[in-house]
Each structure stands twice: as structure tokens, then as C-alpha cells.
């Protein structure tokens, strides 16, 4: 199953431009399976958005990559989805495959080109933070997302928990066993490809407890977190996917966190 999940390169590449940069990096990114994300991540992002956004309203996917998640959101929610990314190569892939997405915009110098202040009724941001090496970079992304949102609009953020380091999940492993990662620390993530092989990429750790204060500094309120479980996913995720594996590691320690906030 292909996904917009690079474990961090939603910005169109690793924070230092090495993980998913250029045409070949974009193609490699598009070949990530992301089964764990489609079980415990994206369906819960869509559910959080469904409670706050109606058909025809504007949803921005910040860090859309090759567009699979944006495309699925447009089809499920009926929203007018705008995909944005720092990588022209990622956007080229998305334009060719994400047919339900209304528009695509490039992020240049930390700002989304062509989108005015307060244009969005909601924003989602999936696995972008792991590409960012510093607190200032994370704050910059949150600040730009707040610029795009109208007051009172929702923001839904999907991240992995670096505290789950070393566990072998169905489609990923975050960091190394026994390691403790602080904010911005480098770690290696293994991702399963659609052909069954594995790829390693360098990412940065952002413990989930560090995010609420940064969101509040960027102009958000009502920050809340939830960690979806396999039992919950059985009623939300694709039934064929949910029934296709035992999900033993995901049951023992769910690795994904959905954070929601409201633009103040």
C-alpha cells in the first residue's frame, strides 16, 4: 500500500535534503507501504477532521508528498483539498496520481506560495515533523499552518512516538532498542516498501510531550492528544487491512499519536 508517509519527508525530503530529495527520492517515498499508518494513523486523522469540516470546505494537506493521503481525504470528506509540499518532484507525482485534490502549492522559504492568510477551514499534517531538526523549524511550520487557518479552524497532526523506539511494527521501526531520544535528536527509521524490502532513513525525534507548548506559541489552543489502538482501528480502518495481520506489536504499544488543536 503506497502512502504519503515518509516518517518525516512530508516536507518533500529529509530536513537536510538527503532522505527523499530529487526525482529518485520522490519515487522511493511513493513506494513506502505504511500499513501501520493506514491502520492506526490516517483513518483517525480523517475521523477528527470529519467532525469539524464539511463538504466543499478547504482542507490543506501540509506536506502532502505524492498525494495519496490528500486524495483519500478528498474522497472521504468531500472537502476541497489543497496539497502543499517543499518538493517540486513530490508535487509532480501528486499531480499525476491524486486526481481528487483540487490544487497543489509549493512551500518556498517556509511559506506556501499562492495561499493567503486564513484561507483554510482545516489543515492536516502527517509525519512532517520528523524531517525537522530544531525546535525553531517545528515552530516555523506550526506558525505557517496557523497563518493558513481561519480563526476557530481545526489542525490535525499525526506523528510517531520516539518513546516506542526499537519495536518492530508491521511497516516500520523507530530508532534503536534501548535508546532514549530527546527533542531534535537524530534517529534511524526503517520503513517497509511495497515489494517487502526495507529502507532506512535519518529522522529527528520529537517526543509528543514537547508539541503542545510549541502549538500554543504558534497561536493554537485546545490542544489534545490521543493514541489510537488496534481495537479502535477495527471499526475505522479498511476491514481487509485490519484483518490481514495479527498486529501484535501495534497492540502491545501503539506508536502513532494524533494531536488536535484549534486556531486561536
C-alpha atoms as a PDB file:
ATOM      1  CA  UNK A   1       0.000   0.000   0.000  1.00  0.00           C
ATOM      2  CA  UNK A   2       1.520   3.297  -1.068  1.00  0.00           C
ATOM      3  CA  UNK A   3       1.356   6.302   1.200  1.00  0.00           C
ATOM      4  CA  UNK A   4       2.327   9.868   1.840  1.00  0.00           C
ATOM      5  CA  UNK A   5       4.231   8.592   4.797  1.00  0.00           C
ATOM      6  CA  UNK A   6       7.939   9.055   4.757  1.00  0.00           C
ATOM      7  CA  UNK A   7       8.197   9.189   8.520  1.00  0.00           C
ATOM      8  CA  UNK A   8       9.197  12.721   8.098  1.00  0.00           C
ATOM      9  CA  UNK A   9       9.696  13.640   4.489  1.00  0.00           C
ATOM     10  CA  UNK A  10       6.281  15.161   4.062  1.00  0.00           C
ATOM     11  CA  UNK A  11       8.313  18.284   3.603  1.00  0.00           C
ATOM     12  CA  UNK A  12       9.462  16.754   0.362  1.00  0.00           C
ATOM     13  CA  UNK A  13      12.713  15.383   1.699  1.00  0.00           C
ATOM     14  CA  UNK A  14      14.688  14.885   4.845  1.00  0.00           C
ATOM     15  CA  UNK A  15      15.412  18.016   6.823  1.00  0.00           C
ATOM     16  CA  UNK A  16      18.889  18.067   5.316  1.00  0.00           C
ATOM     17  CA  UNK A  17      17.591  17.251   1.845  1.00  0.00           C
ATOM     18  CA  UNK A  18      19.052  13.736   1.736  1.00  0.00           C
ATOM     19  CA  UNK A  19      16.262  11.284   2.569  1.00  0.00           C
ATOM     20  CA  UNK A  20      13.704  11.820  -0.177  1.00  0.00           C
ATOM     21  CA  UNK A  21      15.098  14.658  -2.276  1.00  0.00           C
ATOM     22  CA  UNK A  22      15.023  14.791  -6.057  1.00  0.00           C
ATOM     23  CA  UNK A  23      13.126  12.606  -8.506  1.00  0.00           C
ATOM     24  CA  UNK A  24      14.522   9.287  -7.266  1.00  0.00           C
ATOM     25  CA  UNK A  25      13.855  10.212  -3.654  1.00  0.00           C
ATOM     26  CA  UNK A  26      10.264  11.062  -4.502  1.00  0.00           C
ATOM     27  CA  UNK A  27       9.800   7.731  -6.235  1.00  0.00           C
ATOM     28  CA  UNK A  28      11.297   5.873  -3.281  1.00  0.00           C
ATOM     29  CA  UNK A  29       8.978   7.774  -0.964  1.00  0.00           C
ATOM     30  CA  UNK A  30       5.962   6.751  -3.041  1.00  0.00           C
ATOM     31  CA  UNK A  31       6.945   3.076  -2.657  1.00  0.00           C
ATOM     32  CA  UNK A  32       6.629   3.019   1.148  1.00  0.00           C
ATOM     33  CA  UNK A  33       3.962   0.560   2.301  1.00  0.00           C
ATOM     34  CA  UNK A  34       2.810   2.303   5.514  1.00  0.00           C
ATOM     35  CA  UNK A  35       0.429  -0.413   6.707  1.00  0.00           C
ATOM     36  CA  UNK A  36       0.736   0.704  10.321  1.00  0.00           C
ATOM     37  CA  UNK A  37      -0.179   4.256   9.323  1.00  0.00           C
ATOM     38  CA  UNK A  38      -3.231   3.132   7.398  1.00  0.00           C
ATOM     39  CA  UNK A  39      -4.343   1.151  10.438  1.00  0.00           C
ATOM     40  CA  UNK A  40      -3.585   3.497  13.357  1.00  0.00           C
ATOM     41  CA  UNK A  41      -2.948   6.874  11.737  1.00  0.00           C
ATOM     42  CA  UNK A  42      -4.731   8.217   8.696  1.00  0.00           C
ATOM     43  CA  UNK A  43      -8.230   6.846   9.453  1.00  0.00           C
ATOM     44  CA  UNK A  44      -8.143   8.662  12.795  1.00  0.00           C
ATOM     45  CA  UNK A  45      -6.929  11.873  11.152  1.00  0.00           C
ATOM     46  CA  UNK A  46      -9.890  11.658   8.769  1.00  0.00           C
ATOM     47  CA  UNK A  47     -12.266  10.971  11.656  1.00  0.00           C
ATOM     48  CA  UNK A  48     -11.020  14.007  13.594  1.00  0.00           C
ATOM     49  CA  UNK A  49     -11.471  16.176  10.508  1.00  0.00           C
ATOM     50  CA  UNK A  50     -14.932  14.800   9.711  1.00  0.00           C
ATOM     51  CA  UNK A  51     -16.221  16.233  12.981  1.00  0.00           C
ATOM     52  CA  UNK A  52     -15.063  19.751  12.037  1.00  0.00           C
ATOM     53  CA  UNK A  53     -15.114  20.207   8.249  1.00  0.00           C
ATOM     54  CA  UNK A  54     -17.967  19.928   5.757  1.00  0.00           C
ATOM     55  CA  UNK A  55     -18.209  19.089   2.060  1.00  0.00           C
ATOM     56  CA  UNK A  56     -16.712  21.760  -0.176  1.00  0.00           C
ATOM     57  CA  UNK A  57     -14.725  23.408   2.610  1.00  0.00           C
ATOM     58  CA  UNK A  58     -10.980  23.910   2.181  1.00  0.00           C
ATOM     59  CA  UNK A  59      -8.606  21.363   3.721  1.00  0.00           C
ATOM     60  CA  UNK A  60      -4.852  21.881   3.348  1.00  0.00           C
ATOM     61  CA  UNK A  61      -2.559  18.852   3.492  1.00  0.00           C
ATOM     62  CA  UNK A  62       0.701  20.401   4.672  1.00  0.00           C
ATOM     63  CA  UNK A  63       3.490  18.107   3.486  1.00  0.00           C
ATOM     64  CA  UNK A  64       1.358  16.171   1.021  1.00  0.00           C
ATOM     65  CA  UNK A  65       4.203  14.222  -0.617  1.00  0.00           C
ATOM     66  CA  UNK A  66       2.944  12.208  -3.600  1.00  0.00           C
ATOM     67  CA  UNK A  67      -0.639  12.885  -2.593  1.00  0.00           C
ATOM     68  CA  UNK A  68      -2.190   9.557  -1.593  1.00  0.00           C
ATOM     69  CA  UNK A  69      -3.439  10.740   1.796  1.00  0.00           C
ATOM     70  CA  UNK A  70      -4.677  14.044   0.369  1.00  0.00           C
ATOM     71  CA  UNK A  71      -6.526  12.156  -2.357  1.00  0.00           C
ATOM     72  CA  UNK A  72      -8.147   9.805   0.154  1.00  0.00           C
ATOM     73  CA  UNK A  73      -9.156  12.747   2.363  1.00  0.00           C
ATOM     74  CA  UNK A  74     -10.832  14.486  -0.580  1.00  0.00           C
ATOM     75  CA  UNK A  75     -12.814  11.376  -1.420  1.00  0.00           C
ATOM     76  CA  UNK A  76     -13.828  10.543   2.151  1.00  0.00           C
ATOM     77  CA  UNK A  77     -14.598  14.033   3.403  1.00  0.00           C
ATOM     78  CA  UNK A  78     -15.853  15.733   0.253  1.00  0.00           C
ATOM     79  CA  UNK A  79     -13.558  18.636   1.087  1.00  0.00           C
ATOM     80  CA  UNK A  80     -11.713  20.817  -1.407  1.00  0.00           C
ATOM     81  CA  UNK A  81      -8.216  19.575  -0.648  1.00  0.00           C
ATOM     82  CA  UNK A  82      -5.101  21.632  -1.387  1.00  0.00           C
ATOM     83  CA  UNK A  83      -1.806  19.750  -1.285  1.00  0.00           C
ATOM     84  CA  UNK A  84       1.360  21.643  -0.362  1.00  0.00           C
ATOM     85  CA  UNK A  85       4.965  20.472  -0.163  1.00  0.00           C
ATOM     86  CA  UNK A  86       8.524  21.800  -0.349  1.00  0.00           C
ATOM     87  CA  UNK A  87       9.455  19.357  -3.126  1.00  0.00           C
ATOM     88  CA  UNK A  88       8.565  20.051  -6.780  1.00  0.00           C
ATOM     89  CA  UNK A  89       9.224  16.373  -7.501  1.00  0.00           C
ATOM     90  CA  UNK A  90       6.729  15.257  -4.868  1.00  0.00           C
ATOM     91  CA  UNK A  91       4.140  17.666  -6.244  1.00  0.00           C
ATOM     92  CA  UNK A  92       4.748  16.348  -9.761  1.00  0.00           C
ATOM     93  CA  UNK A  93       3.962  12.820  -8.553  1.00  0.00           C
ATOM     94  CA  UNK A  94       0.879  14.068  -6.728  1.00  0.00           C
ATOM     95  CA  UNK A  95      -0.449  15.923  -9.766  1.00  0.00           C
ATOM     96  CA  UNK A  96      -0.225  12.703 -11.723  1.00  0.00           C
ATOM     97  CA  UNK A  97      -1.961  10.470  -9.196  1.00  0.00           C
ATOM     98  CA  UNK A  98      -4.019  12.426  -6.655  1.00  0.00           C
ATOM     99  CA  UNK A  99      -6.901  13.165  -9.006  1.00  0.00           C
ATOM    100  CA  UNK A 100      -9.353  14.251  -6.297  1.00  0.00           C
ATOM    101  CA  UNK A 101      -7.032  17.002  -4.997  1.00  0.00           C
ATOM    102  CA  UNK A 102      -8.101  20.443  -6.176  1.00  0.00           C
ATOM    103  CA  UNK A 103      -4.757  22.279  -6.229  1.00  0.00           C
ATOM    104  CA  UNK A 104      -1.070  21.905  -5.395  1.00  0.00           C
ATOM    105  CA  UNK A 105       1.205  24.604  -3.986  1.00  0.00           C
ATOM    106  CA  UNK A 106       4.940  24.757  -3.352  1.00  0.00           C
ATOM    107  CA  UNK A 107       6.388  25.755   0.016  1.00  0.00           C
ATOM    108  CA  UNK A 108       9.259  28.200  -0.510  1.00  0.00           C
ATOM    109  CA  UNK A 109      11.195  29.870   2.292  1.00  0.00           C
ATOM    110  CA  UNK A 110       8.793  28.429   4.828  1.00  0.00           C
ATOM    111  CA  UNK A 111       5.720  29.977   3.187  1.00  0.00           C
ATOM    112  CA  UNK A 112       3.095  28.333   0.992  1.00  0.00           C
ATOM    113  CA  UNK A 113       3.023  30.128  -2.342  1.00  0.00           C
ATOM    114  CA  UNK A 114      -0.317  31.317  -3.649  1.00  0.00           C
ATOM    115  CA  UNK A 115      -2.362  30.833  -0.471  1.00  0.00           C
ATOM    116  CA  UNK A 116      -3.495  33.876   1.530  1.00  0.00           C
ATOM    117  CA  UNK A 117      -3.926  34.216   5.275  1.00  0.00           C
ATOM    118  CA  UNK A 118      -6.974  32.470   6.707  1.00  0.00           C
ATOM    119  CA  UNK A 119      -7.815  30.574   3.518  1.00  0.00           C
ATOM    120  CA  UNK A 120      -8.216  27.130   5.098  1.00  0.00           C
ATOM    121  CA  UNK A 121     -11.125  25.633   7.029  1.00  0.00           C
ATOM    122  CA  UNK A 122      -8.807  22.877   8.306  1.00  0.00           C
ATOM    123  CA  UNK A 123      -5.209  21.662   7.980  1.00  0.00           C
ATOM    124  CA  UNK A 124      -3.753  18.189   8.377  1.00  0.00           C
ATOM    125  CA  UNK A 125      -0.043  17.482   8.684  1.00  0.00           C
ATOM    126  CA  UNK A 126       1.137  13.866   8.606  1.00  0.00           C
ATOM    127  CA  UNK A 127       4.668  12.801   9.543  1.00  0.00           C
ATOM    128  CA  UNK A 128       6.337  16.077   8.632  1.00  0.00           C
ATOM    129  CA  UNK A 129       7.922  16.908  11.991  1.00  0.00           C
ATOM    130  CA  UNK A 130      10.435  14.056  11.842  1.00  0.00           C
ATOM    131  CA  UNK A 131      12.193  15.853   8.980  1.00  0.00           C
ATOM    132  CA  UNK A 132      12.760  18.947  11.129  1.00  0.00           C
ATOM    133  CA  UNK A 133      15.998  19.172  13.148  1.00  0.00           C
ATOM    134  CA  UNK A 134      15.271  22.077  15.507  1.00  0.00           C
ATOM    135  CA  UNK A 135      12.549  23.486  17.701  1.00  0.00           C
ATOM    136  CA  UNK A 136      12.669  26.664  15.631  1.00  0.00           C
ATOM    137  CA  UNK A 137      11.930  24.674  12.477  1.00  0.00           C
ATOM    138  CA  UNK A 138       8.945  22.959  14.111  1.00  0.00           C
ATOM    139  CA  UNK A 139       7.658  26.292  15.374  1.00  0.00           C
ATOM    140  CA  UNK A 140       8.059  27.743  11.884  1.00  0.00           C
ATOM    141  CA  UNK A 141       5.881  25.015  10.372  1.00  0.00           C
ATOM    142  CA  UNK A 142       3.232  25.468  13.060  1.00  0.00           C
ATOM    143  CA  UNK A 143       3.272  29.237  12.539  1.00  0.00           C
ATOM    144  CA  UNK A 144       2.775  28.895   8.783  1.00  0.00           C
ATOM    145  CA  UNK A 145      -0.071  26.446   9.320  1.00  0.00           C
ATOM    146  CA  UNK A 146      -1.677  28.900  11.745  1.00  0.00           C
ATOM    147  CA  UNK A 147      -1.372  31.626   9.072  1.00  0.00           C
ATOM    148  CA  UNK A 148      -3.330  29.484   6.636  1.00  0.00           C
ATOM    149  CA  UNK A 149      -6.168  28.722   9.060  1.00  0.00           C
ATOM    150  CA  UNK A 150      -9.121  30.936   9.754  1.00  0.00           C
ATOM    151  CA  UNK A 151      -9.738  31.590  13.480  1.00  0.00           C
ATOM    152  CA  UNK A 152     -11.520  28.692  15.126  1.00  0.00           C
ATOM    153  CA  UNK A 153     -10.464  26.186  12.455  1.00  0.00           C
ATOM    154  CA  UNK A 154      -9.008  22.774  13.357  1.00  0.00           C
ATOM    155  CA  UNK A 155      -5.496  21.450  12.915  1.00  0.00           C
ATOM    156  CA  UNK A 156      -4.836  17.677  12.998  1.00  0.00           C
ATOM    157  CA  UNK A 157      -1.262  16.442  13.359  1.00  0.00           C
ATOM    158  CA  UNK A 158      -0.050  12.845  13.001  1.00  0.00           C
ATOM    159  CA  UNK A 159       3.316  11.860  14.489  1.00  0.00           C
ATOM    160  CA  UNK A 160       5.194   8.797  15.667  1.00  0.00           C
ATOM    161  CA  UNK A 161       6.258   8.473  19.296  1.00  0.00           C
ATOM    162  CA  UNK A 162      10.053   8.132  19.616  1.00  0.00           C
ATOM    163  CA  UNK A 163       9.473   6.533  23.019  1.00  0.00           C
ATOM    164  CA  UNK A 164       8.435   3.427  21.037  1.00  0.00           C
ATOM    165  CA  UNK A 165      11.991   3.110  19.730  1.00  0.00           C
ATOM    166  CA  UNK A 166      13.290  -0.257  18.620  1.00  0.00           C
ATOM    167  CA  UNK A 167       9.941  -2.034  18.300  1.00  0.00           C
ATOM    168  CA  UNK A 168       9.395  -3.928  15.052  1.00  0.00           C
ATOM    169  CA  UNK A 169       5.986  -2.845  13.778  1.00  0.00           C
ATOM    170  CA  UNK A 170       4.333  -4.174  10.638  1.00  0.00           C
ATOM    171  CA  UNK A 171       5.764  -1.467   8.401  1.00  0.00           C
ATOM    172  CA  UNK A 172       8.297   0.491  10.458  1.00  0.00           C
ATOM    173  CA  UNK A 173      10.809   0.601  13.275  1.00  0.00           C
ATOM    174  CA  UNK A 174      11.511   3.910  15.011  1.00  0.00           C
ATOM    175  CA  UNK A 175      15.051   4.255  16.293  1.00  0.00           C
ATOM    176  CA  UNK A 176      17.057   1.601  18.134  1.00  0.00           C
ATOM    177  CA  UNK A 177      16.221  -0.629  21.106  1.00  0.00           C
ATOM    178  CA  UNK A 178      17.106   0.846  24.485  1.00  0.00           C
ATOM    179  CA  UNK A 179      17.785   4.357  23.194  1.00  0.00           C
ATOM    180  CA  UNK A 180      16.135   7.442  24.684  1.00  0.00           C
ATOM    181  CA  UNK A 181      15.650  10.332  22.268  1.00  0.00           C
ATOM    182  CA  UNK A 182      15.290  13.990  23.149  1.00  0.00           C
ATOM    183  CA  UNK A 183      13.807  16.790  21.038  1.00  0.00           C
ATOM    184  CA  UNK A 184      15.532  17.003  17.661  1.00  0.00           C
ATOM    185  CA  UNK A 185      17.842  14.035  18.267  1.00  0.00           C
ATOM    186  CA  UNK A 186      18.757  12.079  15.157  1.00  0.00           C
ATOM    187  CA  UNK A 187      17.406   8.568  14.851  1.00  0.00           C
ATOM    188  CA  UNK A 188      17.170   5.969  12.119  1.00  0.00           C
ATOM    189  CA  UNK A 189      13.787   4.750  10.928  1.00  0.00           C
ATOM    190  CA  UNK A 190      13.255   1.549   8.953  1.00  0.00           C
ATOM    191  CA  UNK A 191      10.315   1.564   6.544  1.00  0.00           C
ATOM    192  CA  UNK A 192       8.867  -1.380   4.663  1.00  0.00           C
ATOM    193  CA  UNK A 193       8.464  -0.935   0.908  1.00  0.00           C
ATOM    194  CA  UNK A 194       5.600  -2.297  -1.138  1.00  0.00           C
ATOM    195  CA  UNK A 195       7.937  -5.006  -2.512  1.00  0.00           C
ATOM    196  CA  UNK A 196       8.654  -6.280   1.024  1.00  0.00           C
ATOM    197  CA  UNK A 197      12.163  -4.834   1.287  1.00  0.00           C
ATOM    198  CA  UNK A 198      13.190  -2.284   3.917  1.00  0.00           C
ATOM    199  CA  UNK A 199      14.678   1.183   3.646  1.00  0.00           C
ATOM    200  CA  UNK A 200      16.484   3.145   6.349  1.00  0.00           C
ATOM    201  CA  UNK A 201      16.194   6.933   6.590  1.00  0.00           C
ATOM    202  CA  UNK A 202      17.543   9.514   9.026  1.00  0.00           C
ATOM    203  CA  UNK A 203      14.890  11.364  11.004  1.00  0.00           C
ATOM    204  CA  UNK A 204      14.585  13.555  14.082  1.00  0.00           C
ATOM    205  CA  UNK A 205      12.822  12.698  17.314  1.00  0.00           C
ATOM    206  CA  UNK A 206      10.029  14.911  18.618  1.00  0.00           C
ATOM    207  CA  UNK A 207       8.634  13.496  21.862  1.00  0.00           C
ATOM    208  CA  UNK A 208       4.894  14.059  21.894  1.00  0.00           C
ATOM    209  CA  UNK A 209       5.062  15.971  25.170  1.00  0.00           C
ATOM    210  CA  UNK A 210       7.086  18.751  23.559  1.00  0.00           C
ATOM    211  CA  UNK A 211       4.422  19.659  20.998  1.00  0.00           C
ATOM    212  CA  UNK A 212       1.599  21.342  22.995  1.00  0.00           C
ATOM    213  CA  UNK A 213       3.779  24.259  24.138  1.00  0.00           C
ATOM    214  CA  UNK A 214       5.031  24.839  20.592  1.00  0.00           C
ATOM    215  CA  UNK A 215       1.495  24.774  19.233  1.00  0.00           C
ATOM    216  CA  UNK A 216       0.375  27.309  21.810  1.00  0.00           C
ATOM    217  CA  UNK A 217       3.330  29.571  20.939  1.00  0.00           C
ATOM    218  CA  UNK A 218       2.262  29.401  17.287  1.00  0.00           C
ATOM    219  CA  UNK A 219      -1.269  30.569  18.071  1.00  0.00           C
ATOM    220  CA  UNK A 220      -3.243  27.400  18.798  1.00  0.00           C
ATOM    221  CA  UNK A 221      -5.483  26.486  21.727  1.00  0.00           C
ATOM    222  CA  UNK A 222      -7.407  23.432  22.948  1.00  0.00           C
ATOM    223  CA  UNK A 223      -4.513  21.084  22.243  1.00  0.00           C
ATOM    224  CA  UNK A 224      -5.407  17.419  22.806  1.00  0.00           C
ATOM    225  CA  UNK A 225      -3.697  14.104  22.097  1.00  0.00           C
ATOM    226  CA  UNK A 226      -4.892  10.564  21.520  1.00  0.00           C
ATOM    227  CA  UNK A 227      -3.098   7.323  20.759  1.00  0.00           C
ATOM    228  CA  UNK A 228      -5.295   5.108  18.554  1.00  0.00           C
ATOM    229  CA  UNK A 229      -5.400   1.401  19.358  1.00  0.00           C
ATOM    230  CA  UNK A 230      -5.855  -1.671  17.182  1.00  0.00           C
ATOM    231  CA  UNK A 231      -9.247  -2.393  18.757  1.00  0.00           C
ATOM    232  CA  UNK A 232     -10.430   1.096  17.812  1.00  0.00           C
ATOM    233  CA  UNK A 233      -8.998   0.682  14.327  1.00  0.00           C
ATOM    234  CA  UNK A 234     -11.133  -2.391  13.677  1.00  0.00           C
ATOM    235  CA  UNK A 235     -14.135  -0.067  13.376  1.00  0.00           C
ATOM    236  CA  UNK A 236     -12.372   2.721  11.454  1.00  0.00           C
ATOM    237  CA  UNK A 237      -9.654   1.325   9.189  1.00  0.00           C
ATOM    238  CA  UNK A 238     -10.053  -0.652   5.978  1.00  0.00           C
ATOM    239  CA  UNK A 239     -11.506  -4.042   7.027  1.00  0.00           C
ATOM    240  CA  UNK A 240      -9.268  -6.016   4.668  1.00  0.00           C
ATOM    241  CA  UNK A 241      -6.157  -4.309   6.010  1.00  0.00           C
ATOM    242  CA  UNK A 242      -7.240  -4.742   9.639  1.00  0.00           C
ATOM    243  CA  UNK A 243      -7.961  -8.445   9.176  1.00  0.00           C
ATOM    244  CA  UNK A 244      -4.828  -9.166   7.175  1.00  0.00           C
ATOM    245  CA  UNK A 245      -2.280  -9.218  10.026  1.00  0.00           C
ATOM    246  CA  UNK A 246      -2.030 -10.011  13.717  1.00  0.00           C
ATOM    247  CA  UNK A 247      -0.689  -6.514  14.568  1.00  0.00           C
ATOM    248  CA  UNK A 248       0.981  -7.923  17.686  1.00  0.00           C
ATOM    249  CA  UNK A 249       3.445  -5.064  18.170  1.00  0.00           C
ATOM    250  CA  UNK A 250       0.814  -2.435  17.421  1.00  0.00           C
ATOM    251  CA  UNK A 251      -1.438  -3.970  20.071  1.00  0.00           C
ATOM    252  CA  UNK A 252       1.331  -4.044  22.655  1.00  0.00           C
ATOM    253  CA  UNK A 253       2.472  -0.462  22.133  1.00  0.00           C
ATOM    254  CA  UNK A 254       0.664   1.713  19.570  1.00  0.00           C
ATOM    255  CA  UNK A 255       3.314   4.008  18.032  1.00  0.00           C
ATOM    256  CA  UNK A 256       1.209   6.777  16.485  1.00  0.00           C
ATOM    257  CA  UNK A 257      -0.228   9.887  18.113  1.00  0.00           C
ATOM    258  CA  UNK A 258      -2.946  12.166  16.730  1.00  0.00           C
ATOM    259  CA  UNK A 259      -2.754  15.703  18.104  1.00  0.00           C
ATOM    260  CA  UNK A 260      -5.599  18.136  17.534  1.00  0.00           C
ATOM    261  CA  UNK A 261      -5.679  21.891  18.102  1.00  0.00           C
ATOM    262  CA  UNK A 262      -7.772  24.926  17.214  1.00  0.00           C
ATOM    263  CA  UNK A 263      -6.535  28.160  15.636  1.00  0.00           C
ATOM    264  CA  UNK A 264      -6.957  30.900  18.227  1.00  0.00           C
END
